[in-house]
Amino acid sequence: MDKVLIQELRVKGILGVNDGERDTLGEIAVNVTLFTEPRPAVRPDVMDGCVDYSKVAKDIRLLVKARRRFTVEALAQDIADLCLSRENVWRVTVKVEKPGDVSEDRSVGVEIERQR
């Protein structure tokens, strides 16, 4: 399988269980690996069958802003479902982190892998 990478996507959203997290937009970091069918070697520069990564990234941003999840696990699952709804995506790895949630220079988060 081929991989399409979306890395270090930063979005402001509501994520968490504490009062401050429910009232204030916080930074959320998203990394996604989309697994697709291999591209035919004879047609490497044709758009047919390609995953539009800019559209996927835009849709992830909209989803994160719209959802007000309590857990990073739930948000990661939402993103995985969104990605797997794409015609040519067969498997996805989603990593969602909350930078600075534990301390100034660390992040906490989860990474999940899902497939059709």
C-alpha atoms as a PDB file:
ATOM      1  CA  MET A   1       0.000   0.000   0.000  1.00  0.00           C
ATOM      2  CA  ASP A   2       0.970   3.593  -0.558  1.00  0.00           C
ATOM      3  CA  LYS A   3       0.821   6.123   2.263  1.00  0.00           C
ATOM      4  CA  VAL A   4      -0.428   9.695   2.281  1.00  0.00           C
ATOM      5  CA  LEU A   5       0.886  11.673   5.257  1.00  0.00           C
ATOM      6  CA  ILE A   6      -0.712  14.647   6.957  1.00  0.00           C
ATOM      7  CA  GLN A   7       1.633  15.742   9.730  1.00  0.00           C
ATOM      8  CA  GLU A   8       1.545  18.355  12.467  1.00  0.00           C
ATOM      9  CA  LEU A   9      -1.901  19.654  11.597  1.00  0.00           C
ATOM     10  CA  ARG A  10      -2.619  22.198  14.359  1.00  0.00           C
ATOM     11  CA  VAL A  11      -6.225  23.048  15.142  1.00  0.00           C
ATOM     12  CA  LYS A  12      -7.902  25.008  17.941  1.00  0.00           C
ATOM     13  CA  GLY A  13     -10.804  23.125  19.485  1.00  0.00           C
ATOM     14  CA  ILE A  14     -12.564  21.965  22.631  1.00  0.00           C
ATOM     15  CA  LEU A  15     -11.076  18.727  23.950  1.00  0.00           C
ATOM     16  CA  GLY A  16     -10.975  17.602  27.556  1.00  0.00           C
ATOM     17  CA  VAL A  17     -12.954  17.040  30.728  1.00  0.00           C
ATOM     18  CA  ASN A  18     -11.808  19.884  32.978  1.00  0.00           C
ATOM     19  CA  ASP A  19     -13.764  23.149  33.212  1.00  0.00           C
ATOM     20  CA  GLY A  20     -10.986  25.198  31.622  1.00  0.00           C
ATOM     21  CA  GLU A  21     -10.741  22.755  28.725  1.00  0.00           C
ATOM     22  CA  ARG A  22     -14.499  22.964  28.110  1.00  0.00           C
ATOM     23  CA  ASP A  23     -14.537  26.787  28.019  1.00  0.00           C
ATOM     24  CA  THR A  24     -11.413  27.673  26.062  1.00  0.00           C
ATOM     25  CA  LEU A  25     -10.175  26.581  22.665  1.00  0.00           C
ATOM     26  CA  GLY A  26      -6.998  24.577  23.068  1.00  0.00           C
ATOM     27  CA  GLU A  27      -4.379  23.522  20.579  1.00  0.00           C
ATOM     28  CA  ILE A  28      -4.788  20.030  19.180  1.00  0.00           C
ATOM     29  CA  ALA A  29      -2.121  18.363  17.042  1.00  0.00           C
ATOM     30  CA  VAL A  30      -3.197  15.768  14.495  1.00  0.00           C
ATOM     31  CA  ASN A  31      -1.068  13.365  12.459  1.00  0.00           C
ATOM     32  CA  VAL A  32      -2.695  11.055   9.945  1.00  0.00           C
ATOM     33  CA  THR A  33      -1.356   8.300   7.705  1.00  0.00           C
ATOM     34  CA  LEU A  34      -3.776   7.230   4.983  1.00  0.00           C
ATOM     35  CA  PHE A  35      -3.078   3.841   3.419  1.00  0.00           C
ATOM     36  CA  THR A  36      -4.175   3.617  -0.217  1.00  0.00           C
ATOM     37  CA  GLU A  37      -3.883   1.184  -3.100  1.00  0.00           C
ATOM     38  CA  PRO A  38      -0.507   1.341  -4.861  1.00  0.00           C
ATOM     39  CA  ARG A  39      -0.411   3.638  -7.857  1.00  0.00           C
ATOM     40  CA  PRO A  40       0.220   1.986 -11.228  1.00  0.00           C
ATOM     41  CA  ALA A  41       3.842   2.606 -12.211  1.00  0.00           C
ATOM     42  CA  VAL A  42       2.832   3.496 -15.753  1.00  0.00           C
ATOM     43  CA  ARG A  43       0.599   6.382 -14.591  1.00  0.00           C
ATOM     44  CA  PRO A  44       2.399   7.987 -11.650  1.00  0.00           C
ATOM     45  CA  ASP A  45       1.417  11.589 -12.439  1.00  0.00           C
ATOM     46  CA  VAL A  46      -2.333  11.218 -13.019  1.00  0.00           C
ATOM     47  CA  MET A  47      -4.904  12.423 -10.482  1.00  0.00           C
ATOM     48  CA  ASP A  48      -7.288   9.472 -10.968  1.00  0.00           C
ATOM     49  CA  GLY A  49      -7.385   7.470  -7.767  1.00  0.00           C
ATOM     50  CA  CYS A  50      -5.376   9.979  -5.727  1.00  0.00           C
ATOM     51  CA  VAL A  51      -6.450  11.013  -2.262  1.00  0.00           C
ATOM     52  CA  ASP A  52      -6.913  14.792  -2.120  1.00  0.00           C
ATOM     53  CA  TYR A  53      -4.846  15.397   1.020  1.00  0.00           C
ATOM     54  CA  SER A  54      -5.642  19.111   1.100  1.00  0.00           C
ATOM     55  CA  LYS A  55      -9.394  18.299   1.197  1.00  0.00           C
ATOM     56  CA  VAL A  56      -8.837  15.655   3.891  1.00  0.00           C
ATOM     57  CA  ALA A  57      -6.816  18.145   5.972  1.00  0.00           C
ATOM     58  CA  LYS A  58      -9.521  20.795   5.559  1.00  0.00           C
ATOM     59  CA  ASP A  59     -12.234  18.312   6.574  1.00  0.00           C
ATOM     60  CA  ILE A  60     -10.203  17.252   9.647  1.00  0.00           C
ATOM     61  CA  ARG A  61      -9.881  20.912  10.681  1.00  0.00           C
ATOM     62  CA  LEU A  62     -13.637  21.431  10.326  1.00  0.00           C
ATOM     63  CA  LEU A  63     -14.381  18.251  12.275  1.00  0.00           C
ATOM     64  CA  VAL A  64     -12.042  19.129  15.166  1.00  0.00           C
ATOM     65  CA  LYS A  65     -13.501  22.636  15.404  1.00  0.00           C
ATOM     66  CA  ALA A  66     -17.087  21.337  15.343  1.00  0.00           C
ATOM     67  CA  ARG A  67     -16.749  18.453  17.804  1.00  0.00           C
ATOM     68  CA  ARG A  68     -16.442  19.139  21.498  1.00  0.00           C
ATOM     69  CA  ARG A  69     -15.046  15.815  22.639  1.00  0.00           C
ATOM     70  CA  PHE A  70     -14.163  14.887  26.192  1.00  0.00           C
ATOM     71  CA  THR A  71     -11.495  12.332  25.216  1.00  0.00           C
ATOM     72  CA  VAL A  72      -8.691  12.259  22.679  1.00  0.00           C
ATOM     73  CA  GLU A  73      -9.732   8.671  21.926  1.00  0.00           C
ATOM     74  CA  ALA A  74     -13.179   9.785  20.757  1.00  0.00           C
ATOM     75  CA  LEU A  75     -11.732  12.553  18.589  1.00  0.00           C
ATOM     76  CA  ALA A  76      -9.188  10.151  17.072  1.00  0.00           C
ATOM     77  CA  GLN A  77     -12.034   7.754  16.216  1.00  0.00           C
ATOM     78  CA  ASP A  78     -14.021  10.598  14.608  1.00  0.00           C
ATOM     79  CA  ILE A  79     -11.014  11.456  12.441  1.00  0.00           C
ATOM     80  CA  ALA A  80     -10.443   7.804  11.528  1.00  0.00           C
ATOM     81  CA  ASP A  81     -14.092   7.451  10.481  1.00  0.00           C
ATOM     82  CA  LEU A  82     -13.808  10.588   8.351  1.00  0.00           C
ATOM     83  CA  CYS A  83     -10.679   9.297   6.625  1.00  0.00           C
ATOM     84  CA  LEU A  84     -12.092   5.826   6.012  1.00  0.00           C
ATOM     85  CA  SER A  85     -15.116   7.374   4.322  1.00  0.00           C
ATOM     86  CA  ARG A  86     -12.812   8.327   1.444  1.00  0.00           C
ATOM     87  CA  GLU A  87     -13.120   5.973  -1.504  1.00  0.00           C
ATOM     88  CA  ASN A  88      -9.439   5.072  -1.865  1.00  0.00           C
ATOM     89  CA  VAL A  89      -8.458   4.910   1.818  1.00  0.00           C
ATOM     90  CA  TRP A  90      -8.307   1.349   3.177  1.00  0.00           C
ATOM     91  CA  ARG A  91      -6.519   1.868   6.463  1.00  0.00           C
ATOM     92  CA  VAL A  92      -5.640   4.860   8.601  1.00  0.00           C
ATOM     93  CA  THR A  93      -3.420   5.686  11.545  1.00  0.00           C
ATOM     94  CA  VAL A  94      -4.498   8.726  13.551  1.00  0.00           C
ATOM     95  CA  LYS A  95      -2.476  10.389  16.281  1.00  0.00           C
ATOM     96  CA  VAL A  96      -4.141  13.132  18.339  1.00  0.00           C
ATOM     97  CA  GLU A  97      -2.143  15.093  20.908  1.00  0.00           C
ATOM     98  CA  LYS A  98      -2.736  17.960  23.302  1.00  0.00           C
ATOM     99  CA  PRO A  99       0.549  19.928  23.337  1.00  0.00           C
ATOM    100  CA  GLY A 100       1.443  21.402  26.708  1.00  0.00           C
ATOM    101  CA  ASP A 101      -1.339  19.555  28.503  1.00  0.00           C
ATOM    102  CA  VAL A 102       0.990  17.991  31.083  1.00  0.00           C
ATOM    103  CA  SER A 103       3.776  20.562  31.047  1.00  0.00           C
ATOM    104  CA  GLU A 104       5.070  23.359  28.845  1.00  0.00           C
ATOM    105  CA  ASP A 105       7.206  21.162  26.608  1.00  0.00           C
ATOM    106  CA  ARG A 106       5.305  17.866  26.505  1.00  0.00           C
ATOM    107  CA  SER A 107       2.113  16.567  25.025  1.00  0.00           C
ATOM    108  CA  VAL A 108      -0.291  13.767  25.761  1.00  0.00           C
ATOM    109  CA  GLY A 109      -2.379  11.895  23.261  1.00  0.00           C
ATOM    110  CA  VAL A 110      -3.326   8.663  21.594  1.00  0.00           C
ATOM    111  CA  GLU A 111      -2.611   6.879  18.357  1.00  0.00           C
ATOM    112  CA  ILE A 112      -5.125   4.505  16.808  1.00  0.00           C
ATOM    113  CA  GLU A 113      -5.190   2.399  13.671  1.00  0.00           C
ATOM    114  CA  ARG A 114      -8.387   1.440  11.893  1.00  0.00           C
ATOM    115  CA  GLN A 115      -9.247  -0.255   8.619  1.00  0.00           C
ATOM    116  CA  ARG A 116     -12.277  -1.041   6.524  1.00  0.00           C
END
